[in-house]
Amino acid sequence: MQRHPIFVPISRVTGVESGAVVLSSARLSWRRFAQRPGETLVLGELLDRQVTLVATGIRVVVVDAAIEQIRGGDWVLDQVAVRTGRRRRGEVRAVSWAEVTGFSLPEEDQGAANMLAVFEKLRPADLASLLRDLSDKRRVEVAAALDDERLADVLEELPEDEQVELLGGLADERAADVLEAMGPDDAADLLGDLPAGEAERLLLLMEPREAEPVRRLLVYPDRTAGGMMTSEPVIVGPNASVAEAIARVRAPELSPALAAQVYVVRPPFETPTGRYLGLAHFQRLLREPPGMLVSGIVDVDITPLRPEASLQEVTRHLASYNLVAAPVLDDSARLVGVVTVDDVLDHLLPAGWREHDLDSDASGAHPPSVGT
């Protein structure tokens, strides 16, 4: 389940420990966080800001912040950790809120290195959720600070319109690099939401080897097997051993659905492949001797899908055979891709499902909050 920032009445906070907030009550509002006028997000907007030390006039960068509970139970942000200069090796020290100035001034190039360090271990879906809560300016700055692979992962978790908006905020060369880091099916989906001229411009900037599978996927209509499939499943030849097939399945970038089956084909071994021979289920691979050839255990009873198969046909096919993925073949019996249950769910869920909020409390009121 995705994590969502929520409102927590500050009066219910009794303590702040490492990685946790201690509350006096378990009753919370699950309404999605929405920043109100006059509020500042501590992690989203204060970190990485350049401010000025009042005593010396030296410009420093905010790298952390601390809150303290005062008499009466209220909490105040009373200290910030600052670093001299923008270099990581600069001196870091804690100063009181009153010792710095400049938080209210606009800053054009704030950066996001320290904020991203806080979110380093978040899953892409959780980071995408947090990204959606930032201002347009901070969202662009965070995108600029992420490396291509991380940004590609986050983009895949955003609603389509926000993918387009964020990609449009990148320089064309950077946008092409990020598209190369995405799976071909996800890149094709994103480019399919762009005007044809803009999509073609980005495709021309991509490496030809990376752009070719994306172009092939763009040919197929949406909500068909061809339009939903990925062109990078686990593929081996008939003379591959069980041990070799299992080693390919262990690749960390594979989703569980793609790792569930190995597809056996004649050369070439990139889609569109040579003649499709069948598939080997991962569980079957685990039960066989490592030196056995995969050609001896292929499952030929599962009927492959055609690229033009509709979403309903694909759904029924996966359900009928209890599959998490199914091969897609062209007219020449070549493997052109694989449709996974993840792809199907993305199309079966209602539009905007990534933006769906958790249930809120009956009042719908915004209790006092400290922005995170």
Protein backbone atom coordinates (compact mmCIF):
# COMPACT_ATOMS: atom_id res chain seq x y z
CA MET A 1 0.00 0.00 0.00
CA GLN A 2 1.29 3.45 -0.85
CA ARG A 3 2.24 5.79 1.97
CA HIS A 4 0.40 9.11 2.05
CA PRO A 5 1.29 12.22 4.07
CA ILE A 6 -1.69 12.91 6.35
CA PHE A 7 -2.81 15.56 8.83
CA VAL A 8 -1.86 14.98 12.45
CA PRO A 9 -3.19 17.42 15.06
CA ILE A 10 -0.09 18.77 16.78
CA SER A 11 -1.94 18.57 20.11
CA ARG A 12 -1.86 14.77 19.79
CA VAL A 13 1.92 14.60 19.35
CA THR A 14 3.53 13.70 22.67
CA GLY A 15 7.01 12.89 21.43
CA VAL A 16 9.27 12.60 18.41
CA GLU A 17 11.63 9.64 18.26
CA SER A 18 13.97 8.35 15.58
CA GLY A 19 11.80 7.52 12.58
CA ALA A 20 8.50 7.83 14.47
CA VAL A 21 6.03 10.29 15.97
CA VAL A 22 4.39 9.33 19.27
CA LEU A 23 0.69 10.18 19.40
CA SER A 24 -1.70 10.44 22.33
CA SER A 25 -4.59 9.10 20.23
CA ALA A 26 -4.94 6.59 17.41
CA ARG A 27 -7.80 8.52 15.77
CA LEU A 28 -6.49 10.30 12.68
CA SER A 29 -7.76 12.02 9.58
CA TRP A 30 -6.85 9.97 6.51
CA ARG A 31 -7.59 12.84 4.13
CA ARG A 32 -4.65 13.32 1.78
CA PHE A 33 -2.36 16.18 2.76
CA ALA A 34 -2.91 19.43 0.85
CA GLN A 35 -0.76 22.44 1.57
CA ARG A 36 -2.70 25.55 2.55
CA PRO A 37 -1.75 29.21 1.94
CA GLY A 38 0.83 30.38 4.45
CA GLU A 39 2.10 26.86 5.23
CA THR A 40 5.67 25.78 4.54
CA LEU A 41 6.78 22.19 4.01
CA VAL A 42 9.83 21.59 6.20
CA LEU A 43 11.33 18.82 4.09
CA GLY A 44 9.90 19.94 0.78
CA GLU A 45 10.72 23.65 0.95
CA LEU A 46 13.13 24.44 3.78
CA LEU A 47 15.82 21.84 3.08
CA ASP A 48 18.45 22.95 0.53
CA ARG A 49 17.43 26.61 0.82
CA GLN A 50 20.13 29.26 0.93
CA VAL A 51 19.66 31.57 3.91
CA THR A 52 21.80 34.18 5.64
CA LEU A 53 23.35 34.14 9.11
CA VAL A 54 22.19 37.34 10.79
CA ALA A 55 25.41 37.89 12.76
CA THR A 56 27.91 37.53 9.89
CA GLY A 57 25.92 37.91 6.66
CA ILE A 58 27.35 34.58 5.43
CA ARG A 59 25.17 32.57 3.05
CA VAL A 60 24.53 29.01 4.23
CA VAL A 61 22.46 26.02 3.09
CA VAL A 62 19.80 24.38 5.30
CA VAL A 63 20.42 20.63 5.64
CA ASP A 64 18.13 19.74 8.57
CA ALA A 65 15.60 21.17 11.01
CA ALA A 66 14.59 20.47 14.61
CA ILE A 67 11.36 21.05 16.53
CA GLU A 68 10.93 21.32 20.28
CA GLN A 69 7.95 20.98 22.58
CA ILE A 70 7.43 24.07 24.69
CA ARG A 71 5.36 24.78 27.77
CA GLY A 72 1.69 24.13 27.14
CA GLY A 73 2.42 21.21 24.78
CA ASP A 74 2.88 23.22 21.60
CA TRP A 75 5.72 22.45 19.20
CA VAL A 76 7.92 25.02 17.48
CA LEU A 77 10.63 24.76 14.85
CA ASP A 78 13.46 26.21 16.89
CA GLN A 79 16.70 25.12 15.22
CA VAL A 80 18.09 24.47 11.76
CA ALA A 81 21.32 22.74 10.75
CA VAL A 82 23.19 24.73 8.15
CA ARG A 83 26.25 24.13 6.00
CA THR A 84 28.58 26.80 4.71
CA GLY A 85 28.57 26.79 0.92
CA ARG A 86 26.91 24.16 -1.27
CA ARG A 87 29.72 21.59 -1.09
CA ARG A 88 29.08 18.46 0.94
CA ARG A 89 32.32 18.92 2.88
CA GLY A 90 31.36 22.34 4.19
CA GLU A 91 31.08 22.87 7.94
CA VAL A 92 27.68 21.92 9.39
CA ARG A 93 26.37 23.47 12.60
CA ALA A 94 23.05 24.00 14.37
CA VAL A 95 21.72 27.53 14.85
CA SER A 96 18.49 28.88 16.27
CA TRP A 97 15.68 30.01 13.99
CA ALA A 98 16.28 33.61 15.05
CA GLU A 99 19.93 33.44 13.86
CA VAL A 100 19.03 33.06 10.19
CA THR A 101 17.01 35.10 7.73
CA GLY A 102 15.78 34.68 4.18
CA PHE A 103 13.26 31.86 4.45
CA SER A 104 10.50 34.04 3.04
CA LEU A 105 12.51 35.16 0.01
CA PRO A 106 11.96 33.39 -3.34
CA GLU A 107 14.82 31.21 -4.50
CA GLU A 108 15.23 30.28 -8.15
CA ASP A 109 17.69 27.38 -7.88
CA GLN A 110 17.16 25.71 -4.54
CA GLY A 111 18.43 22.22 -5.35
CA ALA A 112 17.14 19.07 -3.69
CA ALA A 113 20.12 16.95 -2.60
CA ASN A 114 19.39 17.05 1.15
CA MET A 115 15.67 16.46 0.71
CA LEU A 116 16.35 13.44 -1.51
CA ALA A 117 18.76 12.04 1.08
CA VAL A 118 15.84 11.92 3.51
CA PHE A 119 13.72 10.01 0.97
CA GLU A 120 16.53 7.82 -0.35
CA LYS A 121 15.02 4.52 0.80
CA LEU A 122 11.46 5.22 -0.34
CA ARG A 123 9.94 3.01 -3.01
CA PRO A 124 9.33 4.79 -6.33
CA ALA A 125 5.55 4.76 -5.75
CA ASP A 126 5.97 6.45 -2.34
CA LEU A 127 8.41 9.03 -3.70
CA ALA A 128 5.98 9.74 -6.55
CA SER A 129 3.20 10.32 -4.01
CA LEU A 130 5.37 12.80 -2.09
CA LEU A 131 6.43 14.49 -5.30
CA ARG A 132 2.81 15.23 -6.13
CA ASP A 133 2.47 17.22 -2.89
CA LEU A 134 5.28 19.63 -3.79
CA SER A 135 4.93 22.93 -5.57
CA ASP A 136 5.59 23.00 -9.32
CA LYS A 137 8.92 24.71 -8.71
CA ARG A 138 10.11 22.13 -6.15
CA ARG A 139 8.88 19.27 -8.32
CA VAL A 140 11.07 20.45 -11.19
CA GLU A 141 14.06 20.87 -8.86
CA VAL A 142 13.62 17.39 -7.42
CA ALA A 143 13.34 15.90 -10.90
CA ALA A 144 16.57 17.64 -11.87
CA ALA A 145 18.35 16.17 -8.80
CA LEU A 146 17.24 12.57 -9.39
CA ASP A 147 19.38 10.36 -11.59
CA ASP A 148 17.84 9.08 -14.82
CA GLU A 149 16.96 5.60 -13.51
CA ARG A 150 15.37 6.86 -10.30
CA LEU A 151 13.38 9.52 -12.15
CA ALA A 152 12.24 6.92 -14.69
CA ASP A 153 10.97 4.70 -11.87
CA VAL A 154 9.12 7.62 -10.27
CA LEU A 155 7.58 8.73 -13.57
CA GLU A 156 6.13 5.25 -14.07
CA GLU A 157 4.20 5.68 -10.80
CA LEU A 158 2.66 9.06 -11.63
CA PRO A 159 -0.71 9.69 -13.34
CA GLU A 160 -0.41 10.18 -17.10
CA ASP A 161 -1.03 13.93 -17.09
CA GLU A 162 1.62 14.48 -14.41
CA GLN A 163 4.09 12.31 -16.32
CA VAL A 164 3.61 14.54 -19.35
CA GLU A 165 3.94 17.71 -17.26
CA LEU A 166 7.11 16.57 -15.51
CA LEU A 167 8.74 15.29 -18.71
CA GLY A 168 7.87 18.59 -20.39
CA GLY A 169 9.81 20.44 -17.68
CA LEU A 170 13.04 18.67 -18.62
CA ALA A 171 15.46 19.68 -21.34
CA ASP A 172 14.95 17.54 -24.45
CA GLU A 173 18.26 15.68 -24.06
CA ARG A 174 17.50 14.85 -20.41
CA ALA A 175 13.95 13.79 -21.30
CA ALA A 176 15.34 11.40 -23.93
CA ASP A 177 17.78 9.93 -21.38
CA VAL A 178 14.95 9.34 -18.90
CA LEU A 179 12.80 7.70 -21.58
CA GLU A 180 15.71 5.35 -22.34
CA ALA A 181 15.84 4.39 -18.66
CA MET A 182 12.12 3.52 -18.63
CA GLY A 183 10.76 0.18 -19.75
CA PRO A 184 9.85 0.30 -23.46
CA ASP A 185 6.16 -0.22 -22.67
CA ASP A 186 6.08 2.62 -20.13
CA ALA A 187 8.04 4.90 -22.45
CA ALA A 188 5.61 4.10 -25.28
CA ASP A 189 2.62 4.86 -23.04
CA LEU A 190 4.12 8.22 -22.07
CA LEU A 191 5.07 9.18 -25.63
CA GLY A 192 1.60 8.15 -26.77
CA ASP A 193 0.17 10.91 -24.55
CA LEU A 194 2.32 13.57 -26.26
CA PRO A 195 1.59 15.37 -29.53
CA ALA A 196 2.97 13.34 -32.44
CA GLY A 197 5.60 15.93 -33.33
CA GLU A 198 6.94 16.17 -29.80
CA ALA A 199 7.03 12.38 -29.41
CA GLU A 200 8.95 12.01 -32.67
CA ARG A 201 11.46 14.67 -31.62
CA LEU A 202 12.23 12.80 -28.41
CA LEU A 203 12.45 9.46 -30.22
CA LEU A 204 15.06 10.95 -32.56
CA LEU A 205 17.09 12.07 -29.54
CA MET A 206 17.06 8.58 -28.03
CA GLU A 207 19.70 6.01 -28.92
CA PRO A 208 18.38 4.09 -31.97
CA ARG A 209 18.71 0.78 -30.12
CA GLU A 210 16.57 2.14 -27.27
CA ALA A 211 14.06 3.88 -29.52
CA GLU A 212 13.39 0.92 -31.82
CA PRO A 213 11.34 -1.22 -29.38
CA VAL A 214 9.40 1.87 -28.29
CA ARG A 215 8.51 2.66 -31.90
CA ARG A 216 7.26 -0.91 -32.40
CA LEU A 217 4.99 -0.65 -29.37
CA LEU A 218 3.57 2.69 -30.49
CA VAL A 219 2.11 0.98 -33.56
CA TYR A 220 -0.41 -1.01 -31.50
CA PRO A 221 -3.68 0.51 -30.25
CA ASP A 222 -4.08 1.14 -26.56
CA ARG A 223 -6.01 -1.46 -24.53
CA THR A 224 -4.82 -4.31 -26.76
CA ALA A 225 -2.24 -6.99 -26.00
CA GLY A 226 0.24 -5.19 -28.27
CA GLY A 227 -0.45 -1.84 -26.65
CA MET A 228 -0.02 -3.20 -23.11
CA MET A 229 2.87 -5.64 -23.54
CA THR A 230 6.50 -5.23 -22.58
CA SER A 231 9.09 -6.15 -25.19
CA GLU A 232 11.78 -7.21 -22.68
CA PRO A 233 10.74 -10.54 -21.08
CA VAL A 234 13.23 -13.23 -20.02
CA ILE A 235 14.20 -15.04 -23.25
CA VAL A 236 16.50 -18.04 -23.70
CA GLY A 237 17.31 -20.48 -26.47
CA PRO A 238 16.34 -24.17 -26.43
CA ASN A 239 19.91 -25.20 -25.56
CA ALA A 240 20.03 -23.07 -22.41
CA SER A 241 20.31 -24.97 -19.15
CA VAL A 242 17.95 -24.72 -16.21
CA ALA A 243 20.76 -23.07 -14.23
CA GLU A 244 21.18 -20.42 -16.94
CA ALA A 245 17.46 -19.71 -17.03
CA ILE A 246 17.28 -19.34 -13.24
CA ALA A 247 20.26 -16.98 -13.33
CA ARG A 248 18.42 -14.78 -15.84
CA VAL A 249 15.33 -14.72 -13.61
CA ARG A 250 17.42 -13.44 -10.70
CA ALA A 251 18.01 -10.08 -12.40
CA PRO A 252 17.00 -7.50 -9.75
CA GLU A 253 15.26 -5.18 -12.21
CA LEU A 254 12.67 -7.81 -13.14
CA SER A 255 9.16 -7.48 -11.74
CA PRO A 256 7.73 -10.60 -10.04
CA ALA A 257 5.36 -11.11 -12.97
CA LEU A 258 8.15 -11.06 -15.56
CA ALA A 259 10.32 -13.32 -13.41
CA ALA A 260 7.59 -15.98 -13.18
CA GLN A 261 8.24 -17.39 -16.66
CA VAL A 262 11.08 -17.88 -19.13
CA TYR A 263 10.28 -17.82 -22.85
CA VAL A 264 12.08 -20.28 -25.13
CA VAL A 265 12.65 -19.25 -28.74
CA ARG A 266 14.88 -19.80 -31.75
CA PRO A 267 17.45 -17.07 -32.46
CA PRO A 268 17.44 -14.10 -32.49
CA PHE A 269 16.79 -13.71 -28.77
CA GLU A 270 15.50 -10.12 -28.79
CA THR A 271 11.94 -9.25 -29.73
CA PRO A 272 10.78 -9.88 -32.36
CA THR A 273 12.53 -13.19 -31.80
CA GLY A 274 12.90 -16.30 -33.87
CA ARG A 275 10.17 -18.93 -33.75
CA TYR A 276 8.51 -19.24 -30.36
CA LEU A 277 8.82 -22.74 -28.82
CA GLY A 278 7.05 -22.39 -25.47
CA LEU A 279 7.58 -21.16 -21.92
CA ALA A 280 9.13 -22.58 -18.77
CA HIS A 281 7.53 -21.76 -15.43
CA PHE A 282 9.91 -20.64 -12.69
CA GLN A 283 8.55 -23.17 -10.20
CA ARG A 284 9.19 -25.96 -12.71
CA LEU A 285 12.75 -24.72 -13.18
CA LEU A 286 13.35 -24.99 -9.43
CA ARG A 287 12.30 -28.65 -9.46
CA GLU A 288 14.65 -29.78 -12.26
CA PRO A 289 18.40 -30.56 -12.28
CA PRO A 290 20.52 -27.44 -13.03
CA GLY A 291 22.14 -29.08 -16.05
CA MET A 292 18.88 -30.02 -17.75
CA LEU A 293 17.98 -28.17 -20.98
CA VAL A 294 14.96 -25.89 -20.81
CA SER A 295 13.75 -27.34 -24.12
CA GLY A 296 12.87 -30.48 -22.19
CA ILE A 297 10.43 -28.75 -19.84
CA VAL A 298 8.70 -26.14 -22.00
CA ASP A 299 4.96 -25.73 -21.62
CA VAL A 300 3.37 -25.76 -25.10
CA ASP A 301 -0.25 -26.07 -23.94
CA ILE A 302 -0.80 -22.36 -23.23
CA THR A 303 -2.15 -20.60 -26.31
CA PRO A 304 -0.22 -17.35 -26.96
CA LEU A 305 -2.04 -14.05 -27.43
CA ARG A 306 -2.25 -12.06 -30.64
CA PRO A 307 -1.17 -8.38 -30.59
CA GLU A 308 -4.69 -7.27 -31.50
CA ALA A 309 -6.33 -9.16 -28.60
CA SER A 310 -8.57 -6.80 -26.63
CA LEU A 311 -8.22 -5.99 -22.94
CA GLN A 312 -11.19 -8.25 -22.18
CA GLU A 313 -9.62 -11.14 -24.11
CA VAL A 314 -6.30 -10.68 -22.32
CA THR A 315 -8.03 -10.56 -18.92
CA ARG A 316 -10.00 -13.75 -19.61
CA HIS A 317 -6.86 -15.46 -20.91
CA LEU A 318 -4.82 -14.74 -17.76
CA ALA A 319 -7.72 -15.76 -15.52
CA SER A 320 -8.47 -18.97 -17.44
CA TYR A 321 -4.89 -20.23 -17.26
CA ASN A 322 -4.11 -18.76 -13.81
CA LEU A 323 -1.20 -16.83 -15.30
CA VAL A 324 0.62 -13.71 -14.19
CA ALA A 325 2.04 -13.20 -17.70
CA ALA A 326 1.32 -14.41 -21.22
CA PRO A 327 3.35 -14.38 -24.46
CA VAL A 328 2.26 -12.32 -27.48
CA LEU A 329 3.10 -13.68 -30.96
CA ASP A 330 2.93 -12.10 -34.42
CA ASP A 331 1.77 -13.73 -37.67
CA SER A 332 5.14 -15.45 -38.08
CA ALA A 333 4.97 -17.12 -34.64
CA ARG A 334 7.67 -14.79 -33.33
CA LEU A 335 7.59 -13.57 -29.73
CA VAL A 336 7.01 -9.81 -29.83
CA GLY A 337 6.30 -9.25 -26.14
CA VAL A 338 4.64 -10.36 -22.94
CA VAL A 339 1.53 -9.02 -21.20
CA THR A 340 1.69 -9.15 -17.40
CA VAL A 341 -1.06 -8.94 -14.82
CA ASP A 342 0.43 -5.55 -13.81
CA ASP A 343 -0.24 -4.22 -17.31
CA VAL A 344 -3.82 -5.47 -17.19
CA LEU A 345 -4.51 -3.97 -13.78
CA ASP A 346 -3.24 -0.57 -14.94
CA HIS A 347 -5.93 -0.60 -17.63
CA LEU A 348 -8.72 -2.18 -15.57
CA LEU A 349 -8.49 0.28 -12.69
CA PRO A 350 -10.48 3.51 -13.09
CA ALA A 351 -8.81 6.59 -14.52
CA GLY A 352 -6.92 8.52 -11.86
CA TRP A 353 -6.58 5.53 -9.51
CA ARG A 354 -3.08 6.62 -8.53
CA GLU A 355 -4.56 9.84 -7.16
CA HIS A 356 -7.25 8.09 -5.09
CA ASP A 357 -7.23 9.25 -1.46
CA LEU A 358 -7.65 7.05 1.54
CA ASP A 359 -10.94 7.40 3.43
CA SER A 360 -11.17 10.66 5.30
CA ASP A 361 -12.85 11.38 8.58
CA ALA A 362 -16.47 12.49 8.59
CA SER A 363 -15.80 16.13 9.32
CA GLY A 364 -13.32 16.62 6.49
CA ALA A 365 -11.76 19.42 8.55
CA HIS A 366 -8.05 20.20 8.42
CA PRO A 367 -6.60 19.87 11.90
CA PRO A 368 -3.45 21.84 12.74
CA SER A 369 -0.39 20.28 11.14
CA VAL A 370 3.34 20.58 10.83
CA GLY A 371 4.24 20.31 7.13
CA THR A 372 6.61 17.53 6.25
